[in-house]
Amino acid sequence: MATELTARKSAPDAAPPKKFKITWPIVLLGVAGLLTLLSIVRLITGAGDITSGGTVSAALSLAVPIGLAGLGGLWSERAGVVNIGLEGMLILGTWFGAWGAIVTGNPWVGVAVGALGGLIGALLHAIATVTFGVDHIISGVAINIVALGIVQYLSKLVFSGMRGGGETQSPRLPSIERISVPGIGEPLRQLEANGWFLVSDLAGLLRGLTQNVSLFTIVAILLIPLSFFVLWRTAFGLRLRSCGERPVAAESLGVNVYTHKYIAVLASGVFAGLGGAFLSIVAAGIYREGQTGGRGFIGLAAMIFGNWRPGGLAAGSALFGYTDALQLRQGGPSVHALLLVVALILAAVAVYQLVRQRRTRAAVITALVAIAVFAVFAVTDTVPEQFTSFTPHLTTLLVLALASQRLRPPAADGVPYRKGQAK
């Protein structure tokens, strides 16, 4: 009996079920599947703009400020500080970026000044939340309100006296150089024009990603893997993330929690300021009041969709940028075709829930929603203009609703911290 008990104790435990892990092959397979789905929908509906090079280029440009705002939220919340004030920091970045570019005549100086504007807003947020323990939501809302008032005052003071400027806008701004991969633009355009299944769609994707791309866009894209490396592959990143998970435990190991929280919040302001500078200098070539359009909040949604990870954040930003690009370029027909895409994706999700997850009730609900969306697509030829303009915001709500069950925010996110407090 003793020998049997010893054998049982020494026997290895049953292997736990393997957790689904996203790897590069899975990502590439997902992209290929999505492109194939879009190609099928393009052939069925005739909405050629859903995979055109122009749409991809516009989506990339529209995704950058959302991604930069989301990246700011990622840094801040990984250290345990909720940053609702990203919208205000974006606003500061748009104005200060435009002002810096006009005063110096150098758009890159404007980019740096825009980052400084976002940094100022983040400093106020850090002082309020980290030093004085103000509720993070209240402080963020205050930053949004104050930032809007500041730029309105500064516009009347500075831009209204400039030629081509006014109380709500700046003169034209110097532009940042755009580059293209040489020798492939025209061949890709010809392939795209042929309308072939998958081949033309792939050509449109490549043309949008390789032609007439702003240098600022390339810099912004590189900030995503850089943030991943710093936060997940360095000792500094581990300490910063520990402040958002278990700050008391981090303090007991010698981590200066206040310092790391300050660094994270200030970094979030820099990223948001860069996003604002992109809007005024690259996307519009001019500062206009209200041009952020709630992108700070959409950036937060992209961060939540990405489960507080840089890769998921990039995917969420691309999704929101793509839906925004569709409604701006061709409006109704493209958004109408998008209904069929949504219906097919929901049907696939329902099958996955039923077969792999054994969640019958959830699968039935998802299938019913897919049928409803398909019915709307089948009985209509287009969508109302009001719905079209609301598409990016509706996408935000749907994504957050569908992703809410798998989210795991930092454990101490938004929790006030005081040095020496009990666990």
Protein backbone atom coordinates (compact mmCIF):
# COMPACT_ATOMS: atom_id res chain seq x y z
CA MET A 1 0.00 0.00 0.00
CA ALA A 2 2.81 2.41 0.93
CA THR A 3 4.55 1.62 -2.34
CA GLU A 4 1.32 2.29 -4.26
CA LEU A 5 0.79 5.64 -2.49
CA THR A 6 4.39 6.63 -3.17
CA ALA A 7 3.98 5.74 -6.83
CA ARG A 8 0.81 7.80 -7.04
CA LYS A 9 2.50 10.81 -5.45
CA SER A 10 5.50 10.54 -7.73
CA ALA A 11 3.36 10.11 -10.85
CA PRO A 12 3.21 13.29 -12.90
CA ASP A 13 0.00 15.29 -12.63
CA ALA A 14 -2.30 15.37 -15.59
CA ALA A 15 -1.18 17.97 -18.05
CA PRO A 16 -3.33 21.10 -17.88
CA PRO A 17 -5.22 22.03 -21.01
CA LYS A 18 -3.09 24.00 -23.39
CA LYS A 19 -3.89 27.69 -23.53
CA PHE A 20 -4.45 29.14 -26.97
CA LYS A 21 -1.39 31.19 -27.85
CA ILE A 22 -1.17 33.65 -30.71
CA THR A 23 1.97 33.08 -32.77
CA TRP A 24 3.25 34.61 -36.00
CA PRO A 25 1.98 31.70 -38.16
CA ILE A 26 -1.48 32.12 -36.63
CA VAL A 27 -1.39 35.88 -37.22
CA LEU A 28 -0.37 35.42 -40.86
CA LEU A 29 -3.04 32.75 -41.32
CA GLY A 30 -5.63 35.11 -39.86
CA VAL A 31 -4.59 37.94 -42.18
CA ALA A 32 -4.75 35.60 -45.18
CA GLY A 33 -8.19 34.37 -44.15
CA LEU A 34 -9.50 37.90 -43.67
CA LEU A 35 -8.12 39.00 -47.04
CA THR A 36 -9.76 35.98 -48.69
CA LEU A 37 -13.07 36.83 -47.05
CA LEU A 38 -12.86 40.45 -48.21
CA SER A 39 -12.03 39.27 -51.73
CA ILE A 40 -15.11 37.02 -51.78
CA VAL A 41 -17.30 39.87 -50.54
CA ARG A 42 -15.82 42.21 -53.16
CA LEU A 43 -16.73 39.78 -55.93
CA ILE A 44 -20.27 39.29 -54.57
CA THR A 45 -21.09 42.94 -53.93
CA GLY A 46 -18.92 44.72 -56.49
CA ALA A 47 -17.64 47.11 -53.80
CA GLY A 48 -14.09 47.30 -55.11
CA ASP A 49 -13.08 49.93 -52.59
CA ILE A 50 -13.04 47.54 -49.63
CA THR A 51 -9.59 46.24 -50.65
CA SER A 52 -8.29 49.07 -52.83
CA GLY A 53 -4.88 50.63 -52.33
CA GLY A 54 -6.51 53.97 -51.58
CA THR A 55 -8.59 52.49 -48.77
CA VAL A 56 -5.59 50.69 -47.26
CA SER A 57 -3.51 53.89 -47.43
CA ALA A 58 -6.30 55.92 -45.81
CA ALA A 59 -6.83 53.24 -43.15
CA LEU A 60 -3.13 53.29 -42.29
CA SER A 61 -3.16 57.07 -41.92
CA LEU A 62 -6.34 57.05 -39.83
CA ALA A 63 -5.04 54.24 -37.60
CA VAL A 64 -1.84 56.06 -36.59
CA PRO A 65 -3.33 58.68 -34.19
CA ILE A 66 -5.63 56.03 -32.71
CA GLY A 67 -2.69 53.67 -32.23
CA LEU A 68 -0.50 56.36 -30.66
CA ALA A 69 -3.27 57.34 -28.25
CA GLY A 70 -3.81 53.68 -27.40
CA LEU A 71 -0.08 53.20 -26.90
CA GLY A 72 -0.15 56.06 -24.42
CA GLY A 73 -2.99 54.38 -22.57
CA LEU A 74 -1.07 51.09 -22.60
CA TRP A 75 1.99 52.59 -20.90
CA SER A 76 -0.07 54.44 -18.32
CA GLU A 77 -2.41 51.61 -17.40
CA ARG A 78 0.36 49.01 -17.28
CA ALA A 79 1.72 51.12 -14.41
CA GLY A 80 -1.70 51.26 -12.77
CA VAL A 81 -2.84 54.76 -13.81
CA VAL A 82 -6.05 55.06 -15.84
CA ASN A 83 -5.63 57.83 -18.40
CA ILE A 84 -9.00 59.09 -19.61
CA GLY A 85 -7.22 62.35 -20.42
CA LEU A 86 -5.71 60.99 -23.64
CA GLU A 87 -8.23 62.97 -25.69
CA GLY A 88 -7.07 66.19 -24.05
CA MET A 89 -3.43 65.29 -24.63
CA LEU A 90 -4.23 64.62 -28.29
CA ILE A 91 -5.84 68.07 -28.48
CA LEU A 92 -2.74 69.69 -26.98
CA GLY A 93 -0.58 67.77 -29.44
CA THR A 94 -2.55 69.05 -32.43
CA TRP A 95 -2.22 72.70 -31.44
CA PHE A 96 1.36 72.67 -30.21
CA GLY A 97 2.47 70.54 -33.16
CA ALA A 98 0.97 73.04 -35.60
CA TRP A 99 2.41 76.01 -33.72
CA GLY A 100 5.89 74.50 -33.58
CA ALA A 101 5.84 73.69 -37.30
CA ILE A 102 4.70 77.22 -38.21
CA VAL A 103 7.16 79.07 -35.98
CA THR A 104 10.21 77.06 -37.09
CA GLY A 105 9.13 76.07 -40.60
CA ASN A 106 10.25 72.51 -39.80
CA PRO A 107 7.52 69.86 -39.45
CA TRP A 108 9.74 67.56 -37.39
CA VAL A 109 10.24 70.33 -34.84
CA GLY A 110 6.46 70.61 -34.82
CA VAL A 111 6.26 66.89 -34.05
CA ALA A 112 8.61 67.35 -31.10
CA VAL A 113 6.66 70.37 -29.82
CA GLY A 114 3.42 68.40 -30.18
CA ALA A 115 4.90 65.63 -28.04
CA LEU A 116 5.86 68.30 -25.50
CA GLY A 117 2.26 69.56 -25.47
CA GLY A 118 1.00 66.08 -24.66
CA LEU A 119 3.72 65.78 -22.01
CA ILE A 120 2.42 68.91 -20.26
CA GLY A 121 -1.06 67.43 -20.04
CA ALA A 122 0.36 64.13 -18.76
CA LEU A 123 2.40 65.94 -16.11
CA LEU A 124 -0.76 67.52 -14.73
CA HIS A 125 -2.43 64.12 -14.70
CA ALA A 126 0.54 62.49 -12.97
CA ILE A 127 0.72 65.19 -10.28
CA ALA A 128 -3.00 64.85 -9.58
CA THR A 129 -3.20 61.05 -9.55
CA VAL A 130 0.21 59.82 -8.41
CA THR A 131 1.23 62.59 -6.01
CA PHE A 132 -2.11 63.76 -4.62
CA GLY A 133 -4.17 60.60 -5.12
CA VAL A 134 -6.99 62.25 -7.06
CA ASP A 135 -9.44 59.82 -8.66
CA HIS A 136 -8.00 58.89 -12.06
CA ILE A 137 -11.27 59.34 -13.95
CA ILE A 138 -11.94 62.78 -12.47
CA SER A 139 -8.41 63.93 -13.27
CA GLY A 140 -8.63 62.63 -16.85
CA VAL A 141 -11.96 64.33 -17.50
CA ALA A 142 -10.52 67.57 -16.10
CA ILE A 143 -7.53 67.30 -18.47
CA ASN A 144 -9.89 66.93 -21.43
CA ILE A 145 -11.89 70.01 -20.45
CA VAL A 146 -8.86 72.16 -19.64
CA ALA A 147 -7.00 71.16 -22.82
CA LEU A 148 -9.93 72.19 -25.01
CA GLY A 149 -10.17 75.57 -23.29
CA ILE A 150 -6.41 76.16 -23.56
CA VAL A 151 -6.21 75.54 -27.30
CA GLN A 152 -9.29 77.66 -27.98
CA TYR A 153 -7.68 80.56 -26.13
CA LEU A 154 -4.29 80.06 -27.79
CA SER A 155 -5.85 79.85 -31.27
CA LYS A 156 -7.56 83.21 -30.81
CA LEU A 157 -4.37 84.68 -29.41
CA VAL A 158 -1.88 83.32 -31.97
CA PHE A 159 -3.47 82.01 -35.18
CA SER A 160 -6.10 84.74 -35.67
CA GLY A 161 -3.33 87.23 -36.35
CA MET A 162 -1.57 85.09 -38.96
CA ARG A 163 -2.23 85.18 -42.67
CA GLY A 164 -4.41 82.23 -43.60
CA GLY A 165 -5.23 81.55 -39.96
CA GLY A 166 -8.26 82.22 -37.81
CA GLU A 167 -9.76 81.77 -34.39
CA THR A 168 -10.38 78.06 -34.99
CA GLN A 169 -7.63 77.10 -37.43
CA SER A 170 -4.01 77.67 -38.31
CA PRO A 171 -2.36 78.59 -41.61
CA ARG A 172 -1.16 75.73 -43.82
CA LEU A 173 1.63 73.70 -42.24
CA PRO A 174 4.89 72.46 -43.77
CA SER A 175 4.60 68.81 -44.74
CA ILE A 176 6.63 65.74 -43.84
CA GLU A 177 8.23 63.80 -46.68
CA ARG A 178 6.42 60.77 -48.07
CA ILE A 179 8.24 57.79 -49.54
CA SER A 180 7.37 54.88 -51.83
CA VAL A 181 9.03 51.59 -52.60
CA PRO A 182 10.35 52.22 -56.13
CA GLY A 183 9.47 50.11 -59.14
CA ILE A 184 6.36 48.34 -57.82
CA GLY A 185 3.69 51.03 -57.71
CA GLU A 186 2.47 50.82 -61.30
CA PRO A 187 2.59 47.00 -61.57
CA LEU A 188 0.57 46.74 -58.36
CA ARG A 189 -1.92 49.29 -59.67
CA GLN A 190 -2.42 47.26 -62.87
CA LEU A 191 -2.88 44.02 -60.93
CA GLU A 192 -5.42 45.71 -58.68
CA ALA A 193 -7.35 47.09 -61.67
CA ASN A 194 -7.77 43.57 -63.15
CA GLY A 195 -10.20 42.61 -60.37
CA TRP A 196 -8.85 39.07 -60.00
CA PHE A 197 -9.83 37.01 -56.99
CA LEU A 198 -7.36 37.46 -54.11
CA VAL A 199 -4.49 38.54 -56.40
CA SER A 200 -5.95 42.00 -57.02
CA ASP A 201 -6.85 42.35 -53.33
CA LEU A 202 -3.31 41.46 -52.29
CA ALA A 203 -1.98 43.97 -54.82
CA GLY A 204 -4.23 46.68 -53.34
CA LEU A 205 -3.03 45.85 -49.83
CA LEU A 206 0.64 46.00 -50.84
CA ARG A 207 0.16 49.21 -52.82
CA GLY A 208 -1.49 50.92 -49.87
CA LEU A 209 1.31 49.85 -47.53
CA THR A 210 4.27 50.68 -49.79
CA GLN A 211 3.31 53.77 -51.78
CA ASN A 212 3.19 57.39 -50.63
CA VAL A 213 3.71 56.59 -46.95
CA SER A 214 4.66 59.40 -44.57
CA LEU A 215 7.93 59.00 -42.69
CA PHE A 216 6.01 59.88 -39.54
CA THR A 217 3.77 56.86 -40.16
CA ILE A 218 6.81 54.58 -40.29
CA VAL A 219 8.13 56.06 -37.03
CA ALA A 220 4.74 55.55 -35.37
CA ILE A 221 4.56 51.91 -36.48
CA LEU A 222 8.05 51.23 -35.12
CA LEU A 223 6.99 52.56 -31.71
CA ILE A 224 4.74 49.50 -31.24
CA PRO A 225 7.47 46.80 -31.30
CA LEU A 226 9.75 49.19 -29.40
CA SER A 227 7.14 49.49 -26.63
CA PHE A 228 6.75 45.70 -26.55
CA PHE A 229 10.51 45.27 -26.19
CA VAL A 230 10.82 47.86 -23.43
CA LEU A 231 7.82 46.70 -21.41
CA TRP A 232 8.18 42.92 -21.82
CA ARG A 233 11.86 42.30 -22.49
CA THR A 234 13.70 44.64 -20.09
CA ALA A 235 14.07 44.82 -16.32
CA PHE A 236 12.70 48.37 -16.39
CA GLY A 237 9.55 47.17 -18.15
CA LEU A 238 9.08 44.39 -15.60
CA ARG A 239 9.32 46.89 -12.75
CA LEU A 240 6.88 49.24 -14.46
CA ARG A 241 4.34 46.48 -15.07
CA SER A 242 4.72 45.28 -11.49
CA CYS A 243 3.53 48.73 -10.36
CA GLY A 244 0.28 48.09 -12.19
CA GLU A 245 -0.13 44.56 -10.84
CA ARG A 246 1.18 44.49 -7.26
CA PRO A 247 2.62 47.89 -6.29
CA VAL A 248 3.03 46.96 -2.61
CA ALA A 249 5.00 43.83 -3.55
CA ALA A 250 7.07 45.88 -6.00
CA GLU A 251 7.83 48.39 -3.26
CA SER A 252 8.96 45.60 -0.93
CA LEU A 253 11.50 44.55 -3.58
CA GLY A 254 12.99 48.02 -3.82
CA VAL A 255 11.05 49.38 -6.82
CA ASN A 256 10.32 53.11 -6.62
CA VAL A 257 6.64 52.90 -7.51
CA TYR A 258 6.08 56.66 -7.71
CA THR A 259 8.95 57.12 -10.15
CA HIS A 260 7.78 54.35 -12.46
CA LYS A 261 4.20 55.61 -12.42
CA TYR A 262 5.41 59.11 -13.31
CA ILE A 263 7.53 57.77 -16.17
CA ALA A 264 4.62 55.74 -17.53
CA VAL A 265 2.12 58.61 -17.40
CA LEU A 266 4.58 61.07 -18.95
CA ALA A 267 5.32 58.55 -21.72
CA SER A 268 1.59 58.24 -22.36
CA GLY A 269 1.41 62.01 -22.81
CA VAL A 270 4.29 61.95 -25.27
CA PHE A 271 2.61 59.24 -27.36
CA ALA A 272 -0.73 61.08 -27.31
CA GLY A 273 1.00 64.34 -28.22
CA LEU A 274 2.64 62.60 -31.17
CA GLY A 275 -0.79 61.37 -32.26
CA GLY A 276 -2.13 64.92 -32.12
CA ALA A 277 0.82 66.26 -34.09
CA PHE A 278 0.19 63.58 -36.72
CA LEU A 279 -3.41 64.75 -37.09
CA SER A 280 -2.50 68.38 -37.70
CA ILE A 281 0.78 68.05 -39.61
CA VAL A 282 0.36 64.83 -41.64
CA ALA A 283 -3.33 63.91 -41.84
CA ALA A 284 -4.75 67.41 -42.42
CA GLY A 285 -1.79 69.70 -43.08
CA ILE A 286 -3.54 72.30 -40.91
CA TYR A 287 -4.76 72.68 -37.35
CA ARG A 288 -8.53 72.86 -36.93
CA GLU A 289 -10.50 73.01 -33.74
CA GLY A 290 -12.13 69.67 -32.91
CA GLN A 291 -10.07 67.63 -35.38
CA THR A 292 -9.30 64.89 -32.84
CA GLY A 293 -12.91 63.68 -33.18
CA GLY A 294 -12.81 61.51 -30.06
CA ARG A 295 -9.79 59.53 -31.23
CA GLY A 296 -8.35 59.55 -27.72
CA PHE A 297 -11.34 57.57 -26.50
CA ILE A 298 -11.22 55.28 -29.54
CA GLY A 299 -7.53 54.72 -28.76
CA LEU A 300 -8.53 53.58 -25.28
CA ALA A 301 -11.04 51.22 -26.87
CA ALA A 302 -8.31 49.84 -29.15
CA MET A 303 -6.08 49.28 -26.11
CA ILE A 304 -8.87 47.43 -24.27
CA PHE A 305 -9.65 45.39 -27.40
CA GLY A 306 -5.96 44.43 -27.51
CA ASN A 307 -6.11 43.25 -23.87
CA TRP A 308 -3.47 45.76 -22.81
CA ARG A 309 -0.92 44.28 -25.25
CA PRO A 310 0.85 46.12 -28.11
CA GLY A 311 -0.01 43.54 -30.79
CA GLY A 312 -3.72 43.54 -29.99
CA LEU A 313 -3.63 47.33 -29.77
CA ALA A 314 -2.21 47.50 -33.30
CA ALA A 315 -4.95 45.18 -34.59
CA GLY A 316 -7.65 47.25 -32.90
CA SER A 317 -6.24 50.49 -34.31
CA ALA A 318 -6.14 48.98 -37.80
CA LEU A 319 -9.76 47.85 -37.45
CA PHE A 320 -10.99 51.28 -36.40
CA GLY A 321 -8.87 53.00 -39.05
CA TYR A 322 -10.23 50.67 -41.73
CA THR A 323 -13.90 51.29 -40.89
CA ASP A 324 -13.24 55.03 -40.75
CA ALA A 325 -11.51 54.90 -44.14
CA LEU A 326 -14.44 53.04 -45.73
CA GLN A 327 -17.01 55.57 -44.62
CA LEU A 328 -14.82 58.48 -45.75
CA ARG A 329 -13.92 57.15 -49.19
CA GLN A 330 -17.00 55.54 -50.66
CA GLY A 331 -19.54 55.73 -47.88
CA GLY A 332 -22.71 53.71 -48.28
CA PRO A 333 -21.73 50.96 -50.78
CA SER A 334 -18.58 49.97 -48.90
CA VAL A 335 -20.24 50.03 -45.49
CA HIS A 336 -23.12 47.99 -46.94
CA ALA A 337 -20.63 45.38 -48.16
CA LEU A 338 -19.09 45.41 -44.69
CA LEU A 339 -22.40 44.09 -43.33
CA LEU A 340 -21.85 40.86 -45.26
CA VAL A 341 -18.31 40.61 -43.87
CA VAL A 342 -19.65 41.02 -40.33
CA ALA A 343 -22.37 38.41 -40.91
CA LEU A 344 -19.87 35.83 -42.18
CA ILE A 345 -17.43 36.50 -39.32
CA LEU A 346 -20.22 36.15 -36.75
CA ALA A 347 -21.29 32.87 -38.36
CA ALA A 348 -17.72 31.57 -38.08
CA VAL A 349 -17.58 32.67 -34.42
CA ALA A 350 -20.85 30.82 -33.74
CA VAL A 351 -19.44 27.61 -35.22
CA TYR A 352 -16.25 28.00 -33.15
CA GLN A 353 -18.25 28.55 -29.95
CA LEU A 354 -20.37 25.48 -30.64
CA VAL A 355 -17.66 23.06 -31.79
CA ARG A 356 -14.58 24.07 -29.82
CA GLN A 357 -15.90 25.86 -26.74
CA ARG A 358 -19.14 23.85 -26.28
CA ARG A 359 -21.00 27.09 -25.48
CA THR A 360 -24.36 26.31 -27.04
CA ARG A 361 -26.26 29.33 -25.74
CA ALA A 362 -23.58 31.79 -26.83
CA ALA A 363 -23.35 30.09 -30.23
CA VAL A 364 -27.12 30.37 -30.75
CA ILE A 365 -27.14 34.07 -29.83
CA THR A 366 -24.19 34.79 -32.12
CA ALA A 367 -25.84 32.85 -34.96
CA LEU A 368 -29.07 34.82 -34.53
CA VAL A 369 -27.17 38.10 -34.68
CA ALA A 370 -25.37 36.89 -37.82
CA ILE A 371 -28.71 36.03 -39.44
CA ALA A 372 -30.10 39.45 -38.52
CA VAL A 373 -27.10 41.26 -40.01
CA PHE A 374 -27.30 39.16 -43.17
CA ALA A 375 -31.02 39.91 -43.45
CA VAL A 376 -30.31 43.65 -43.29
CA PHE A 377 -27.68 43.20 -45.99
CA ALA A 378 -30.03 41.17 -48.20
CA VAL A 379 -33.04 43.50 -48.08
CA THR A 380 -31.13 46.77 -48.55
CA ASP A 381 -28.94 48.17 -51.30
CA THR A 382 -27.17 50.79 -49.22
CA VAL A 383 -27.11 52.22 -45.71
CA PRO A 384 -28.25 55.67 -44.55
CA GLU A 385 -25.63 58.41 -44.59
CA GLN A 386 -26.15 59.01 -40.86
CA PHE A 387 -25.31 55.37 -40.12
CA THR A 388 -22.28 55.55 -42.40
CA SER A 389 -20.71 58.41 -40.48
CA PHE A 390 -21.39 56.55 -37.22
CA THR A 391 -19.62 53.37 -38.40
CA PRO A 392 -16.28 53.86 -36.54
CA HIS A 393 -18.05 54.56 -33.24
CA LEU A 394 -20.44 51.63 -33.70
CA THR A 395 -17.43 49.42 -34.42
CA THR A 396 -15.91 50.60 -31.14
CA LEU A 397 -19.02 49.59 -29.19
CA LEU A 398 -19.34 46.19 -30.91
CA VAL A 399 -15.67 45.33 -30.44
CA LEU A 400 -15.73 46.18 -26.75
CA ALA A 401 -18.94 44.19 -26.25
CA LEU A 402 -17.54 41.09 -27.98
CA ALA A 403 -14.10 41.32 -26.36
CA SER A 404 -15.22 42.04 -22.80
CA GLN A 405 -15.31 38.40 -21.66
CA ARG A 406 -11.66 37.67 -22.40
CA LEU A 407 -10.11 40.85 -20.98
CA ARG A 408 -7.67 40.89 -18.08
CA PRO A 409 -6.59 44.42 -17.13
CA PRO A 410 -3.66 45.05 -14.75
CA ALA A 411 -4.79 44.07 -11.26
CA ALA A 412 -4.07 47.46 -9.67
CA ASP A 413 -5.22 49.57 -12.62
CA GLY A 414 -6.92 52.70 -11.26
CA VAL A 415 -6.29 51.76 -7.63
CA PRO A 416 -4.84 54.66 -5.56
CA TYR A 417 -1.39 53.87 -4.15
CA ARG A 418 0.37 55.23 -1.09
CA LYS A 419 3.87 54.27 -0.08
CA GLY A 420 3.97 51.93 2.88
CA GLN A 421 0.28 51.02 2.67
CA ALA A 422 -0.83 47.55 3.74
CA LYS A 423 -1.46 44.87 1.14
